[in-house]
Amino acid sequence: MSYAVKEMFLTLQGEGVHSGRRAVFTRFTGCNLWSGLERDRSDAVCQFCDTDFVGMDGDGGGRFDDAAALAAAVTDVWGEGDDARFIVLTGGEPMLQVDEAVIDALHAAQFEIAIESNGTLPVPRSIDWICISPKAGSETVQRSGDELKLVWPQPDSDWQAMQDWDFANYLLQPMDARLDEEANAANLQEAIAFVQAHPKWRLSLQTHKILGLA
């Protein structure tokens, strides 16, 4: 099986429990919550998506013939040393492509594997860190993992039901309204108020954007 990757780059994880950790981000092409082939996302379930997952034209992107080739590219991006190797598989929706061959190849290269998924597809527990970000209007089938990260506000999200799912960490992240500073400020205040009212949840910020990282 070959793998289509939009981009692959070395950065710091900007969100969630692992925020601040050195990581290779590998963004797979495509998303099952959006049926289009162009960058117009008028038919997408999550209109607030801030990620370009179309094509293979990003830094480090391309088509990799097999899992070994993908793992070799990830290792090259990481650079020297094998201490605390960490990769984040993301998208789009990475579970459209991630399989046991990729997981085994990355583990063989001594990477701890994290995934960021919308939860509409099952995620194998052989992945070390499972982060699920449910999207209103879709069915979340992966209801267990290490981190549930809910973008807020999503008025139609059944967050009450999510509290009964099996996650070690419950995070609320203010929705990025892109260049609308007033909307961003309002979303942040809504998220803060939510966490104040519901202490099972913790605030997660997109620190990579604050720091100007990719």
N, C-alpha and C. Protein backbone atom coordinates (compact mmCIF):
# COMPACT_ATOMS: atom_id res chain seq x y z
N MET A 1 0.84 -1.21 0.00
CA MET A 1 0.00 0.00 0.00
C MET A 1 0.87 1.24 0.00
N SER A 2 0.50 2.23 -0.80
CA SER A 2 1.21 3.50 -0.79
C SER A 2 0.43 4.50 0.06
N TYR A 3 1.11 5.61 0.41
CA TYR A 3 0.54 6.58 1.34
C TYR A 3 0.72 7.98 0.76
N ALA A 4 -0.37 8.75 0.75
CA ALA A 4 -0.36 10.11 0.24
C ALA A 4 -0.27 11.08 1.41
N VAL A 5 0.77 11.90 1.39
CA VAL A 5 1.05 12.82 2.50
C VAL A 5 1.06 14.24 1.97
N LYS A 6 0.29 15.11 2.62
CA LYS A 6 0.27 16.52 2.24
C LYS A 6 1.57 17.21 2.61
N GLU A 7 2.03 16.99 3.86
CA GLU A 7 3.25 17.65 4.33
C GLU A 7 3.83 16.89 5.51
N MET A 8 5.12 17.09 5.72
CA MET A 8 5.82 16.46 6.83
C MET A 8 6.89 17.43 7.31
N PHE A 9 6.88 17.77 8.59
CA PHE A 9 7.81 18.79 9.06
C PHE A 9 8.10 18.62 10.54
N LEU A 10 9.23 19.16 10.96
CA LEU A 10 9.64 19.13 12.36
C LEU A 10 9.16 20.40 13.05
N THR A 11 8.53 20.24 14.20
CA THR A 11 7.99 21.40 14.92
C THR A 11 7.86 21.06 16.39
N LEU A 12 7.12 21.87 17.11
CA LEU A 12 6.70 21.54 18.47
C LEU A 12 5.20 21.29 18.45
N GLN A 13 4.76 20.24 19.14
CA GLN A 13 3.32 20.02 19.27
C GLN A 13 2.71 21.24 19.93
N GLY A 14 1.69 21.81 19.30
CA GLY A 14 1.13 23.06 19.80
C GLY A 14 -0.11 22.92 20.64
N GLU A 15 -0.72 21.73 20.64
CA GLU A 15 -2.02 21.57 21.28
C GLU A 15 -2.02 20.39 22.24
N GLY A 16 -2.91 20.46 23.22
CA GLY A 16 -3.19 19.30 24.04
C GLY A 16 -2.14 18.99 25.09
N VAL A 17 -2.20 17.77 25.59
CA VAL A 17 -1.37 17.34 26.70
C VAL A 17 0.11 17.39 26.35
N HIS A 18 0.45 17.08 25.10
CA HIS A 18 1.86 17.05 24.69
C HIS A 18 2.35 18.40 24.16
N SER A 19 1.62 19.45 24.42
CA SER A 19 2.00 20.79 23.96
C SER A 19 3.43 21.12 24.37
N GLY A 20 4.21 21.61 23.41
CA GLY A 20 5.59 21.98 23.67
C GLY A 20 6.60 20.90 23.35
N ARG A 21 6.14 19.72 22.98
CA ARG A 21 7.05 18.60 22.73
C ARG A 21 7.52 18.58 21.28
N ARG A 22 8.81 18.32 21.08
CA ARG A 22 9.37 18.21 19.73
C ARG A 22 8.71 17.04 19.01
N ALA A 23 8.30 17.27 17.76
CA ALA A 23 7.55 16.25 17.04
C ALA A 23 7.72 16.40 15.54
N VAL A 24 7.64 15.28 14.84
CA VAL A 24 7.48 15.29 13.39
C VAL A 24 5.99 15.22 13.10
N PHE A 25 5.47 16.24 12.44
CA PHE A 25 4.06 16.23 12.03
C PHE A 25 3.98 15.63 10.63
N THR A 26 3.13 14.61 10.50
CA THR A 26 2.89 13.99 9.20
C THR A 26 1.41 14.12 8.90
N ARG A 27 1.10 14.98 7.93
CA ARG A 27 -0.29 15.28 7.60
C ARG A 27 -0.70 14.49 6.36
N PHE A 28 -1.61 13.53 6.55
CA PHE A 28 -2.09 12.72 5.44
C PHE A 28 -3.14 13.48 4.63
N THR A 29 -3.15 13.20 3.35
CA THR A 29 -4.08 13.84 2.43
C THR A 29 -5.49 13.26 2.62
N GLY A 30 -6.49 14.12 2.54
CA GLY A 30 -7.88 13.67 2.49
C GLY A 30 -8.59 13.67 3.83
N CYS A 31 -9.93 13.81 3.76
CA CYS A 31 -10.77 13.78 4.95
C CYS A 31 -12.14 13.21 4.57
N ASN A 32 -12.65 12.33 5.42
CA ASN A 32 -13.95 11.71 5.13
C ASN A 32 -15.14 12.57 5.56
N LEU A 33 -14.89 13.74 6.12
CA LEU A 33 -15.99 14.66 6.46
C LEU A 33 -16.13 15.76 5.41
N TRP A 34 -15.50 15.56 4.29
CA TRP A 34 -15.51 16.57 3.23
C TRP A 34 -15.34 15.85 1.91
N SER A 35 -16.30 15.98 1.02
CA SER A 35 -16.35 15.15 -0.19
C SER A 35 -15.67 15.79 -1.39
N GLY A 36 -15.27 17.03 -1.29
CA GLY A 36 -14.76 17.74 -2.46
C GLY A 36 -13.33 17.37 -2.81
N LEU A 37 -12.91 17.79 -3.99
CA LEU A 37 -11.54 17.59 -4.44
C LEU A 37 -10.81 18.92 -4.58
N GLU A 38 -11.53 20.01 -4.36
CA GLU A 38 -10.93 21.33 -4.43
C GLU A 38 -10.90 21.94 -3.03
N ARG A 39 -10.33 23.12 -2.93
CA ARG A 39 -10.17 23.74 -1.61
C ARG A 39 -11.41 24.47 -1.12
N ASP A 40 -12.45 24.54 -1.96
CA ASP A 40 -13.73 25.07 -1.52
C ASP A 40 -14.41 24.04 -0.63
N ARG A 41 -14.67 24.41 0.63
CA ARG A 41 -15.20 23.43 1.57
C ARG A 41 -16.63 23.74 1.98
N SER A 42 -17.41 24.23 1.05
CA SER A 42 -18.79 24.60 1.37
C SER A 42 -19.62 23.39 1.79
N ASP A 43 -19.19 22.17 1.42
CA ASP A 43 -19.96 20.97 1.78
C ASP A 43 -19.35 20.23 2.96
N ALA A 44 -18.35 20.80 3.62
CA ALA A 44 -17.68 20.10 4.72
C ALA A 44 -18.55 20.09 5.96
N VAL A 45 -18.45 18.99 6.74
CA VAL A 45 -19.15 18.90 8.02
C VAL A 45 -18.65 19.97 8.96
N CYS A 46 -17.33 20.11 9.06
CA CYS A 46 -16.75 21.10 9.98
C CYS A 46 -16.25 22.30 9.17
N GLN A 47 -17.10 23.31 9.05
CA GLN A 47 -16.78 24.50 8.28
C GLN A 47 -15.60 25.28 8.86
N PHE A 48 -15.29 25.04 10.13
CA PHE A 48 -14.24 25.80 10.80
C PHE A 48 -12.85 25.23 10.57
N CYS A 49 -12.73 24.17 9.79
CA CYS A 49 -11.43 23.54 9.57
C CYS A 49 -10.41 24.57 9.09
N ASP A 50 -9.24 24.59 9.71
CA ASP A 50 -8.20 25.57 9.38
C ASP A 50 -6.99 24.92 8.72
N THR A 51 -7.17 23.71 8.18
CA THR A 51 -6.04 22.93 7.68
C THR A 51 -6.18 22.63 6.20
N ASP A 52 -5.09 22.78 5.46
CA ASP A 52 -5.05 22.41 4.05
C ASP A 52 -4.56 20.97 3.95
N PHE A 53 -5.47 20.05 3.61
CA PHE A 53 -5.10 18.64 3.49
C PHE A 53 -5.29 18.13 2.06
N VAL A 54 -5.37 19.05 1.11
CA VAL A 54 -5.59 18.70 -0.28
C VAL A 54 -4.27 18.56 -1.00
N GLY A 55 -4.08 17.47 -1.74
CA GLY A 55 -2.89 17.29 -2.54
C GLY A 55 -1.69 16.82 -1.75
N MET A 56 -0.53 16.80 -2.40
CA MET A 56 0.71 16.33 -1.80
C MET A 56 1.84 17.33 -2.02
N ASP A 57 1.49 18.61 -2.08
CA ASP A 57 2.42 19.64 -2.51
C ASP A 57 3.03 20.44 -1.36
N GLY A 58 2.82 20.01 -0.11
CA GLY A 58 3.40 20.72 1.03
C GLY A 58 4.85 20.31 1.27
N ASP A 59 5.51 20.99 2.19
CA ASP A 59 6.89 20.64 2.54
C ASP A 59 6.95 19.19 3.02
N GLY A 60 7.82 18.41 2.40
CA GLY A 60 7.98 17.01 2.79
C GLY A 60 6.88 16.10 2.32
N GLY A 61 5.92 16.65 1.57
CA GLY A 61 4.80 15.84 1.10
C GLY A 61 5.17 14.99 -0.09
N GLY A 62 4.25 14.09 -0.45
CA GLY A 62 4.46 13.22 -1.59
C GLY A 62 3.78 11.89 -1.39
N ARG A 63 3.98 11.00 -2.35
CA ARG A 63 3.44 9.65 -2.24
C ARG A 63 4.58 8.69 -1.89
N PHE A 64 4.38 7.94 -0.82
CA PHE A 64 5.38 7.00 -0.34
C PHE A 64 4.93 5.59 -0.71
N ASP A 65 5.83 4.84 -1.34
CA ASP A 65 5.46 3.55 -1.92
C ASP A 65 5.04 2.52 -0.89
N ASP A 66 5.63 2.59 0.30
CA ASP A 66 5.28 1.62 1.34
C ASP A 66 5.59 2.22 2.71
N ALA A 67 5.28 1.46 3.75
CA ALA A 67 5.45 1.95 5.12
C ALA A 67 6.91 2.20 5.45
N ALA A 68 7.80 1.37 4.92
CA ALA A 68 9.23 1.55 5.19
C ALA A 68 9.73 2.88 4.62
N ALA A 69 9.25 3.24 3.43
CA ALA A 69 9.66 4.51 2.82
C ALA A 69 9.14 5.69 3.64
N LEU A 70 7.91 5.57 4.13
CA LEU A 70 7.36 6.63 4.95
C LEU A 70 8.14 6.78 6.25
N ALA A 71 8.45 5.68 6.91
CA ALA A 71 9.20 5.73 8.17
C ALA A 71 10.59 6.29 7.95
N ALA A 72 11.22 5.97 6.82
CA ALA A 72 12.54 6.50 6.51
C ALA A 72 12.50 8.01 6.34
N ALA A 73 11.45 8.51 5.68
CA ALA A 73 11.31 9.95 5.50
C ALA A 73 11.09 10.65 6.84
N VAL A 74 10.27 10.05 7.70
CA VAL A 74 10.04 10.62 9.02
C VAL A 74 11.34 10.69 9.82
N THR A 75 12.12 9.63 9.74
CA THR A 75 13.41 9.60 10.45
C THR A 75 14.35 10.68 9.95
N ASP A 76 14.36 10.90 8.64
CA ASP A 76 15.20 11.97 8.07
C ASP A 76 14.76 13.34 8.58
N VAL A 77 13.46 13.55 8.68
CA VAL A 77 12.96 14.84 9.17
C VAL A 77 13.32 15.03 10.63
N TRP A 78 13.27 13.97 11.42
CA TRP A 78 13.64 14.08 12.83
C TRP A 78 15.09 14.48 12.99
N GLY A 79 15.98 13.90 12.18
CA GLY A 79 17.39 14.23 12.26
C GLY A 79 18.16 13.32 13.19
N GLU A 80 19.29 13.79 13.65
CA GLU A 80 20.19 12.98 14.46
C GLU A 80 19.57 12.62 15.81
N GLY A 81 19.95 11.45 16.29
CA GLY A 81 19.54 11.03 17.63
C GLY A 81 18.21 10.31 17.63
N ASP A 82 18.09 9.35 18.53
CA ASP A 82 16.84 8.60 18.62
C ASP A 82 16.18 8.73 19.99
N ASP A 83 16.61 9.72 20.78
CA ASP A 83 16.03 9.92 22.10
C ASP A 83 14.68 10.61 21.99
N ALA A 84 13.66 10.01 22.61
CA ALA A 84 12.31 10.60 22.70
C ALA A 84 11.72 10.96 21.34
N ARG A 85 11.97 10.11 20.35
CA ARG A 85 11.37 10.36 19.04
C ARG A 85 9.84 10.34 19.15
N PHE A 86 9.22 11.33 18.51
CA PHE A 86 7.77 11.51 18.65
C PHE A 86 7.21 11.97 17.31
N ILE A 87 6.16 11.30 16.86
CA ILE A 87 5.50 11.68 15.61
C ILE A 87 4.02 11.87 15.87
N VAL A 88 3.44 12.86 15.19
CA VAL A 88 2.00 13.11 15.24
C VAL A 88 1.43 12.83 13.85
N LEU A 89 0.56 11.85 13.76
CA LEU A 89 -0.14 11.52 12.51
C LEU A 89 -1.44 12.30 12.49
N THR A 90 -1.62 13.12 11.47
CA THR A 90 -2.78 14.00 11.44
C THR A 90 -3.29 14.12 10.01
N GLY A 91 -4.23 15.01 9.79
CA GLY A 91 -4.80 15.17 8.47
C GLY A 91 -5.41 16.55 8.34
N GLY A 92 -6.55 16.63 7.64
CA GLY A 92 -7.45 15.61 7.20
C GLY A 92 -7.75 14.54 8.25
N GLU A 93 -8.04 13.35 7.74
CA GLU A 93 -8.32 12.21 8.61
C GLU A 93 -7.28 11.11 8.37
N PRO A 94 -6.31 10.99 9.28
CA PRO A 94 -5.22 10.04 9.06
C PRO A 94 -5.65 8.58 9.00
N MET A 95 -6.77 8.21 9.69
CA MET A 95 -7.17 6.81 9.70
C MET A 95 -7.70 6.32 8.36
N LEU A 96 -7.85 7.20 7.39
CA LEU A 96 -8.14 6.77 6.03
C LEU A 96 -6.96 6.02 5.44
N GLN A 97 -5.76 6.25 5.97
CA GLN A 97 -4.56 5.63 5.40
C GLN A 97 -3.71 4.87 6.42
N VAL A 98 -3.70 5.31 7.66
CA VAL A 98 -2.82 4.68 8.65
C VAL A 98 -3.26 3.23 8.89
N ASP A 99 -2.29 2.31 8.79
CA ASP A 99 -2.57 0.89 9.01
C ASP A 99 -1.47 0.30 9.90
N GLU A 100 -1.57 -0.99 10.18
CA GLU A 100 -0.60 -1.63 11.07
C GLU A 100 0.80 -1.61 10.48
N ALA A 101 0.92 -1.63 9.16
CA ALA A 101 2.25 -1.58 8.55
C ALA A 101 2.96 -0.27 8.89
N VAL A 102 2.22 0.86 8.82
CA VAL A 102 2.80 2.17 9.18
C VAL A 102 3.16 2.19 10.66
N ILE A 103 2.25 1.70 11.49
CA ILE A 103 2.50 1.70 12.93
C ILE A 103 3.73 0.88 13.26
N ASP A 104 3.83 -0.31 12.69
CA ASP A 104 4.98 -1.18 12.96
C ASP A 104 6.28 -0.56 12.47
N ALA A 105 6.25 0.07 11.29
CA ALA A 105 7.47 0.68 10.74
C ALA A 105 7.95 1.85 11.59
N LEU A 106 7.02 2.65 12.08
CA LEU A 106 7.39 3.79 12.93
C LEU A 106 7.89 3.32 14.29
N HIS A 107 7.27 2.30 14.85
CA HIS A 107 7.77 1.74 16.11
C HIS A 107 9.17 1.15 15.93
N ALA A 108 9.40 0.51 14.80
CA ALA A 108 10.72 -0.06 14.53
C ALA A 108 11.78 1.03 14.44
N ALA A 109 11.35 2.23 14.01
CA ALA A 109 12.26 3.39 13.95
C ALA A 109 12.31 4.13 15.27
N GLN A 110 11.73 3.54 16.33
CA GLN A 110 11.79 4.05 17.71
C GLN A 110 11.00 5.33 17.91
N PHE A 111 9.92 5.48 17.15
CA PHE A 111 9.05 6.63 17.35
C PHE A 111 7.89 6.27 18.26
N GLU A 112 7.59 7.16 19.21
CA GLU A 112 6.33 7.13 19.91
C GLU A 112 5.30 7.79 19.00
N ILE A 113 4.16 7.13 18.81
CA ILE A 113 3.20 7.58 17.81
C ILE A 113 1.97 8.19 18.48
N ALA A 114 1.64 9.41 18.08
CA ALA A 114 0.38 10.05 18.46
C ALA A 114 -0.44 10.24 17.19
N ILE A 115 -1.76 10.19 17.35
CA ILE A 115 -2.64 10.44 16.21
C ILE A 115 -3.70 11.44 16.62
N GLU A 116 -4.07 12.30 15.66
CA GLU A 116 -5.16 13.25 15.85
C GLU A 116 -6.23 12.91 14.81
N SER A 117 -7.36 12.38 15.29
CA SER A 117 -8.40 11.84 14.42
C SER A 117 -9.75 12.46 14.77
N ASN A 118 -10.67 12.46 13.80
CA ASN A 118 -12.02 12.94 14.09
C ASN A 118 -12.88 11.86 14.76
N GLY A 119 -12.36 10.64 14.87
CA GLY A 119 -13.04 9.60 15.60
C GLY A 119 -14.13 8.87 14.85
N THR A 120 -14.30 9.15 13.57
CA THR A 120 -15.34 8.48 12.79
C THR A 120 -14.92 7.10 12.32
N LEU A 121 -13.64 6.77 12.49
CA LEU A 121 -13.10 5.46 12.14
C LEU A 121 -12.39 4.88 13.35
N PRO A 122 -12.40 3.56 13.54
CA PRO A 122 -11.71 2.97 14.68
C PRO A 122 -10.20 3.23 14.61
N VAL A 123 -9.61 3.47 15.78
CA VAL A 123 -8.17 3.71 15.88
C VAL A 123 -7.54 2.56 16.67
N PRO A 124 -6.56 1.87 16.12
CA PRO A 124 -5.97 0.73 16.84
C PRO A 124 -5.21 1.17 18.09
N ARG A 125 -5.32 0.40 19.15
CA ARG A 125 -4.67 0.75 20.41
C ARG A 125 -3.16 0.57 20.33
N SER A 126 -2.66 0.00 19.25
CA SER A 126 -1.21 -0.09 19.06
C SER A 126 -0.60 1.29 18.85
N ILE A 127 -1.42 2.30 18.56
CA ILE A 127 -0.96 3.69 18.53
C ILE A 127 -0.82 4.16 19.98
N ASP A 128 0.30 4.81 20.28
CA ASP A 128 0.64 5.11 21.67
C ASP A 128 -0.25 6.17 22.30
N TRP A 129 -0.62 7.18 21.52
CA TRP A 129 -1.41 8.29 22.06
C TRP A 129 -2.54 8.60 21.09
N ILE A 130 -3.77 8.40 21.54
CA ILE A 130 -4.94 8.61 20.69
C ILE A 130 -5.66 9.88 21.12
N CYS A 131 -5.68 10.86 20.23
CA CYS A 131 -6.41 12.11 20.44
C CYS A 131 -7.57 12.15 19.46
N ILE A 132 -8.77 12.28 19.99
CA ILE A 132 -9.98 12.33 19.17
C ILE A 132 -10.61 13.71 19.30
N SER A 133 -10.93 14.30 18.15
CA SER A 133 -11.59 15.61 18.12
C SER A 133 -12.94 15.46 17.43
N PRO A 134 -14.01 15.21 18.20
CA PRO A 134 -15.33 14.98 17.59
C PRO A 134 -15.84 16.22 16.87
N LYS A 135 -16.55 15.97 15.77
CA LYS A 135 -17.14 17.06 15.00
C LYS A 135 -18.65 16.91 15.00
N ALA A 136 -19.35 17.98 15.36
CA ALA A 136 -20.81 17.97 15.35
C ALA A 136 -21.30 17.63 13.95
N GLY A 137 -22.30 16.75 13.87
CA GLY A 137 -22.82 16.34 12.58
C GLY A 137 -22.22 15.06 12.07
N SER A 138 -21.26 14.48 12.79
CA SER A 138 -20.67 13.20 12.42
C SER A 138 -20.82 12.22 13.58
N GLU A 139 -20.69 10.93 13.29
CA GLU A 139 -20.80 9.91 14.32
C GLU A 139 -19.41 9.52 14.82
N THR A 140 -19.18 9.69 16.10
CA THR A 140 -17.90 9.32 16.69
C THR A 140 -17.97 7.86 17.13
N VAL A 141 -17.19 7.01 16.46
CA VAL A 141 -17.16 5.58 16.82
C VAL A 141 -16.01 5.26 17.75
N GLN A 142 -14.95 6.07 17.71
CA GLN A 142 -13.81 5.87 18.61
C GLN A 142 -14.08 6.68 19.88
N ARG A 143 -14.56 5.99 20.91
CA ARG A 143 -14.99 6.67 22.13
C ARG A 143 -14.09 6.34 23.31
N SER A 144 -12.86 6.02 23.03
CA SER A 144 -11.87 5.81 24.07
C SER A 144 -10.52 6.28 23.56
N GLY A 145 -9.64 6.59 24.48
CA GLY A 145 -8.32 7.05 24.08
C GLY A 145 -7.66 7.83 25.19
N ASP A 146 -6.64 8.57 24.83
CA ASP A 146 -5.85 9.31 25.81
C ASP A 146 -6.31 10.76 25.96
N GLU A 147 -6.89 11.30 24.89
CA GLU A 147 -7.21 12.73 24.89
C GLU A 147 -8.43 12.98 24.00
N LEU A 148 -9.46 13.58 24.56
CA LEU A 148 -10.58 14.05 23.77
C LEU A 148 -10.46 15.57 23.70
N LYS A 149 -10.40 16.10 22.49
CA LYS A 149 -10.20 17.53 22.29
C LYS A 149 -11.37 18.08 21.49
N LEU A 150 -12.21 18.85 22.15
CA LEU A 150 -13.41 19.38 21.51
C LEU A 150 -13.22 20.84 21.17
N VAL A 151 -13.31 21.16 19.88
CA VAL A 151 -13.25 22.55 19.43
C VAL A 151 -14.56 23.23 19.83
N TRP A 152 -14.43 24.47 20.38
CA TRP A 152 -15.59 25.15 20.95
C TRP A 152 -15.65 26.60 20.50
N PRO A 153 -16.84 27.12 20.17
CA PRO A 153 -18.14 26.48 20.34
C PRO A 153 -18.57 25.63 19.14
N GLN A 154 -19.19 24.51 19.44
CA GLN A 154 -19.92 23.69 18.48
C GLN A 154 -21.28 23.41 19.11
N PRO A 155 -22.26 24.27 18.87
CA PRO A 155 -23.53 24.21 19.59
C PRO A 155 -24.24 22.86 19.52
N ASP A 156 -24.03 22.11 18.42
CA ASP A 156 -24.72 20.83 18.26
C ASP A 156 -23.95 19.65 18.82
N SER A 157 -22.81 19.91 19.45
CA SER A 157 -22.03 18.82 20.03
C SER A 157 -22.71 18.29 21.30
N ASP A 158 -22.78 16.99 21.41
CA ASP A 158 -23.35 16.37 22.61
C ASP A 158 -22.23 16.14 23.62
N TRP A 159 -21.73 17.23 24.17
CA TRP A 159 -20.58 17.12 25.08
C TRP A 159 -20.95 16.40 26.37
N GLN A 160 -22.22 16.45 26.74
CA GLN A 160 -22.65 15.74 27.95
C GLN A 160 -22.43 14.23 27.79
N ALA A 161 -22.79 13.70 26.63
CA ALA A 161 -22.58 12.27 26.37
C ALA A 161 -21.09 11.94 26.33
N MET A 162 -20.29 12.86 25.79
CA MET A 162 -18.84 12.61 25.69
C MET A 162 -18.20 12.39 27.06
N GLN A 163 -18.78 12.99 28.08
CA GLN A 163 -18.19 12.85 29.42
C GLN A 163 -18.26 11.42 29.94
N ASP A 164 -19.09 10.59 29.33
CA ASP A 164 -19.17 9.19 29.72
C ASP A 164 -18.28 8.29 28.87
N TRP A 165 -17.59 8.88 27.90
CA TRP A 165 -16.66 8.09 27.10
C TRP A 165 -15.38 7.84 27.90
N ASP A 166 -14.53 6.97 27.39
CA ASP A 166 -13.37 6.50 28.14
C ASP A 166 -12.09 7.21 27.67
N PHE A 167 -11.92 8.45 28.13
CA PHE A 167 -10.72 9.22 27.82
C PHE A 167 -10.02 9.65 29.10
N ALA A 168 -8.70 9.67 29.05
CA ALA A 168 -7.92 10.08 30.23
C ALA A 168 -7.94 11.59 30.41
N ASN A 169 -8.08 12.34 29.32
CA ASN A 169 -8.03 13.80 29.38
C ASN A 169 -9.14 14.38 28.51
N TYR A 170 -9.83 15.39 29.07
CA TYR A 170 -10.89 16.09 28.34
C TYR A 170 -10.47 17.55 28.15
N LEU A 171 -10.29 17.94 26.89
CA LEU A 171 -9.78 19.26 26.57
C LEU A 171 -10.78 20.04 25.72
N LEU A 172 -10.88 21.33 25.97
CA LEU A 172 -11.73 22.23 25.20
C LEU A 172 -10.83 23.27 24.54
N GLN A 173 -10.97 23.40 23.22
CA GLN A 173 -10.09 24.30 22.47
C GLN A 173 -10.90 25.36 21.74
N PRO A 174 -10.62 26.64 21.97
CA PRO A 174 -11.38 27.70 21.29
C PRO A 174 -11.26 27.58 19.78
N MET A 175 -12.38 27.74 19.10
CA MET A 175 -12.39 27.66 17.65
C MET A 175 -11.60 28.82 17.05
N ASP A 176 -10.79 28.53 16.05
CA ASP A 176 -10.02 29.56 15.36
C ASP A 176 -10.88 30.17 14.27
N ALA A 177 -11.23 31.44 14.44
CA ALA A 177 -12.02 32.16 13.45
C ALA A 177 -11.13 32.85 12.42
N ARG A 178 -9.92 32.36 12.30
CA ARG A 178 -8.92 32.86 11.37
C ARG A 178 -8.60 34.33 11.66
N LEU A 179 -8.90 35.23 10.80
CA LEU A 179 -8.47 36.62 10.98
C LEU A 179 -9.50 37.48 11.70
N ASP A 180 -10.56 36.89 12.20
CA ASP A 180 -11.60 37.64 12.90
C ASP A 180 -11.24 37.71 14.38
N GLU A 181 -10.53 38.76 14.77
CA GLU A 181 -10.04 38.87 16.14
C GLU A 181 -11.19 38.96 17.16
N GLU A 182 -12.27 39.62 16.78
CA GLU A 182 -13.40 39.74 17.70
C GLU A 182 -14.03 38.37 17.96
N ALA A 183 -14.20 37.58 16.90
CA ALA A 183 -14.76 36.24 17.06
C ALA A 183 -13.82 35.35 17.85
N ASN A 184 -12.53 35.46 17.61
CA ASN A 184 -11.56 34.66 18.35
C ASN A 184 -11.61 34.98 19.85
N ALA A 185 -11.73 36.27 20.17
CA ALA A 185 -11.81 36.67 21.58
C ALA A 185 -13.07 36.12 22.22
N ALA A 186 -14.19 36.16 21.48
CA ALA A 186 -15.44 35.64 22.00
C ALA A 186 -15.37 34.13 22.21
N ASN A 187 -14.76 33.42 21.26
CA ASN A 187 -14.63 31.97 21.38
C ASN A 187 -13.77 31.59 22.58
N LEU A 188 -12.71 32.35 22.80
CA LEU A 188 -11.85 32.09 23.96
C LEU A 188 -12.61 32.29 25.26
N GLN A 189 -13.37 33.36 25.34
CA GLN A 189 -14.13 33.62 26.56
C GLN A 189 -15.19 32.54 26.79
N GLU A 190 -15.83 32.07 25.71
CA GLU A 190 -16.80 30.99 25.85
C GLU A 190 -16.14 29.72 26.36
N ALA A 191 -14.95 29.43 25.85
CA ALA A 191 -14.24 28.22 26.28
C ALA A 191 -13.82 28.33 27.74
N ILE A 192 -13.34 29.50 28.14
CA ILE A 192 -12.95 29.70 29.54
C ILE A 192 -14.16 29.53 30.45
N ALA A 193 -15.28 30.11 30.07
CA ALA A 193 -16.49 30.00 30.89
C ALA A 193 -16.96 28.55 30.98
N PHE A 194 -16.84 27.82 29.89
CA PHE A 194 -17.24 26.41 29.88
C PHE A 194 -16.39 25.61 30.87
N VAL A 195 -15.07 25.79 30.81
CA VAL A 195 -14.17 25.05 31.70
C VAL A 195 -14.40 25.44 33.15
N GLN A 196 -14.66 26.70 33.40
CA GLN A 196 -14.97 27.14 34.76
C GLN A 196 -16.22 26.44 35.29
N ALA A 197 -17.19 26.21 34.41
CA ALA A 197 -18.44 25.59 34.82
C ALA A 197 -18.38 24.07 34.85
N HIS A 198 -17.42 23.49 34.09
CA HIS A 198 -17.33 22.04 33.96
C HIS A 198 -15.89 21.60 34.17
N PRO A 199 -15.47 21.42 35.42
CA PRO A 199 -14.05 21.22 35.74
C PRO A 199 -13.45 19.90 35.26
N LYS A 200 -14.25 19.00 34.71
CA LYS A 200 -13.66 17.80 34.10
C LYS A 200 -12.85 18.16 32.87
N TRP A 201 -13.16 19.29 32.27
CA TRP A 201 -12.52 19.75 31.04
C TRP A 201 -11.40 20.73 31.36
N ARG A 202 -10.40 20.75 30.49
CA ARG A 202 -9.28 21.69 30.61
C ARG A 202 -9.15 22.48 29.32
N LEU A 203 -8.63 23.69 29.44
CA LEU A 203 -8.46 24.56 28.27
C LEU A 203 -7.22 24.16 27.49
N SER A 204 -7.36 24.06 26.18
CA SER A 204 -6.23 23.81 25.29
C SER A 204 -6.13 24.96 24.30
N LEU A 205 -4.96 25.54 24.17
CA LEU A 205 -4.74 26.63 23.23
C LEU A 205 -3.82 26.16 22.10
N GLN A 206 -3.96 26.79 20.94
CA GLN A 206 -3.10 26.47 19.81
C GLN A 206 -1.81 27.29 19.93
N THR A 207 -0.93 26.81 20.79
CA THR A 207 0.27 27.58 21.10
C THR A 207 1.21 27.73 19.91
N HIS A 208 1.15 26.81 18.95
CA HIS A 208 2.01 26.93 17.77
C HIS A 208 1.65 28.18 16.98
N LYS A 209 0.37 28.55 16.96
CA LYS A 209 -0.03 29.78 16.26
C LYS A 209 0.42 31.00 17.05
N ILE A 210 0.32 30.92 18.36
CA ILE A 210 0.78 32.03 19.20
C ILE A 210 2.27 32.26 19.02
N LEU A 211 3.04 31.16 18.86
CA LEU A 211 4.49 31.24 18.73
C LEU A 211 4.95 31.44 17.30
N GLY A 212 4.03 31.36 16.34
CA GLY A 212 4.39 31.52 14.94
C GLY A 212 5.05 30.30 14.34
N LEU A 213 4.76 29.11 14.89
CA LEU A 213 5.32 27.86 14.37
C LEU A 213 4.35 27.25 13.36
N ALA A 214 4.86 26.34 12.55
CA ALA A 214 4.02 25.65 11.58
C ALA A 214 3.07 24.70 12.29
